[in-house]
């Protein structure tokens, strides 16, 4: 499956899959831990489509707009370095991502 294309908005993924990922991640940003409503939550590709990532649920996580915008298409390790500069423990974020992407989606 091809990745998200510029200008697609939320149309690149089915609504029920998007909501299932938000539920899987407890409606929290996996990067900063902020609680999010479905209206303001976004999905982020852990490995950006530009870098070979897919739209598979194991590559998608819930993110706040601020973290998603900051991450852009950076490799995860580079983004984690920017979070570390702001006082966030990269090991905790990696653990959050690993735990989230291993959970089964509840449809």
Protein backbone atom coordinates (compact mmCIF):
# COMPACT_ATOMS: atom_id res chain seq x y z
CA UNK A 1 0.00 0.00 0.00
CA UNK A 2 1.34 3.41 -0.90
CA UNK A 3 1.95 5.96 1.81
CA UNK A 4 0.13 9.19 2.43
CA UNK A 5 0.35 11.76 -0.34
CA UNK A 6 0.55 15.52 0.21
CA UNK A 7 -2.83 17.18 0.34
CA UNK A 8 -4.79 14.03 1.23
CA UNK A 9 -5.75 15.17 4.71
CA UNK A 10 -7.24 12.27 6.66
CA UNK A 11 -8.53 10.48 3.54
CA UNK A 12 -5.46 8.22 3.28
CA UNK A 13 -6.72 5.93 6.04
CA UNK A 14 -10.15 4.53 6.86
CA UNK A 15 -11.86 6.32 9.73
CA UNK A 16 -12.41 3.10 11.73
CA UNK A 17 -8.71 2.19 11.49
CA UNK A 18 -7.71 5.73 12.56
CA UNK A 19 -10.01 5.57 15.60
CA UNK A 20 -8.78 2.06 16.48
CA UNK A 21 -5.19 3.35 16.55
CA UNK A 22 -6.21 6.27 18.78
CA UNK A 23 -7.90 3.79 21.15
CA UNK A 24 -4.91 1.44 21.04
CA UNK A 25 -2.69 4.35 22.12
CA UNK A 26 -5.15 5.43 24.86
CA UNK A 27 -5.76 8.73 23.04
CA UNK A 28 -2.31 9.95 24.11
CA UNK A 29 0.60 11.27 22.10
CA UNK A 30 3.25 8.53 22.20
CA UNK A 31 5.98 11.19 22.03
CA UNK A 32 5.01 13.67 24.76
CA UNK A 33 2.22 11.82 26.60
CA UNK A 34 -0.38 14.57 26.13
CA UNK A 35 -4.03 13.40 26.40
CA UNK A 36 -5.84 14.02 23.12
CA UNK A 37 -9.40 13.99 21.89
CA UNK A 38 -10.08 12.35 18.53
CA UNK A 39 -10.76 15.81 17.11
CA UNK A 40 -7.19 17.02 17.73
CA UNK A 41 -5.21 13.76 17.57
CA UNK A 42 -3.16 12.98 14.48
CA UNK A 43 -1.49 9.84 13.19
CA UNK A 44 2.24 9.75 12.68
CA UNK A 45 4.30 7.30 10.66
CA UNK A 46 7.11 6.10 12.96
CA UNK A 47 9.16 5.46 9.82
CA UNK A 48 8.17 8.20 7.39
CA UNK A 49 6.72 7.13 4.04
CA UNK A 50 9.55 9.09 2.39
CA UNK A 51 11.98 6.74 4.16
CA UNK A 52 10.12 3.55 3.22
CA UNK A 53 7.45 3.43 5.93
CA UNK A 54 3.98 2.03 5.29
CA UNK A 55 0.44 2.69 6.46
CA UNK A 56 0.44 -0.56 8.44
CA UNK A 57 -0.82 -0.19 12.01
CA UNK A 58 2.59 -1.26 13.33
CA UNK A 59 4.08 1.90 11.76
CA UNK A 60 1.34 4.31 12.88
CA UNK A 61 1.05 5.98 16.27
CA UNK A 62 -1.09 8.69 17.84
CA UNK A 63 0.63 12.06 18.04
CA UNK A 64 -0.30 15.59 18.99
CA UNK A 65 -0.09 18.20 16.23
CA UNK A 66 2.99 19.76 17.81
CA UNK A 67 5.00 16.51 17.94
CA UNK A 68 3.80 15.35 14.52
CA UNK A 69 4.74 18.70 12.97
CA UNK A 70 8.12 18.68 14.71
CA UNK A 71 8.93 15.14 13.63
CA UNK A 72 8.02 15.69 9.96
CA UNK A 73 9.89 13.01 7.97
CA UNK A 74 12.86 12.81 10.35
CA UNK A 75 14.20 9.39 11.23
CA UNK A 76 12.98 8.45 14.71
CA UNK A 77 16.47 8.62 16.23
CA UNK A 78 16.94 12.21 15.00
CA UNK A 79 13.55 13.25 16.37
CA UNK A 80 14.28 11.58 19.70
CA UNK A 81 17.48 13.62 19.91
CA UNK A 82 15.41 16.81 19.60
CA UNK A 83 13.09 15.57 22.36
CA UNK A 84 16.09 14.77 24.56
CA UNK A 85 17.25 18.37 24.11
CA UNK A 86 13.87 19.41 25.58
CA UNK A 87 14.23 17.08 28.58
CA UNK A 88 12.27 14.04 27.37
CA UNK A 89 13.89 10.65 27.90
CA UNK A 90 14.25 8.98 24.46
CA UNK A 91 14.20 5.51 26.06
CA UNK A 92 10.74 6.24 27.50
CA UNK A 93 9.47 7.35 24.09
CA UNK A 94 10.88 4.24 22.40
CA UNK A 95 9.14 2.13 25.04
CA UNK A 96 5.84 3.97 24.45
CA UNK A 97 6.12 3.36 20.70
CA UNK A 98 7.07 -0.30 21.13
CA UNK A 99 4.21 -0.92 23.57
CA UNK A 100 1.68 0.87 21.38
CA UNK A 101 2.60 -0.79 18.11
CA UNK A 102 2.60 -4.27 19.62
CA UNK A 103 -0.98 -4.02 20.86
CA UNK A 104 -3.73 -5.53 18.76
CA UNK A 105 -6.20 -3.03 17.33
CA UNK A 106 -9.70 -3.30 18.76
CA UNK A 107 -12.07 -2.85 15.86
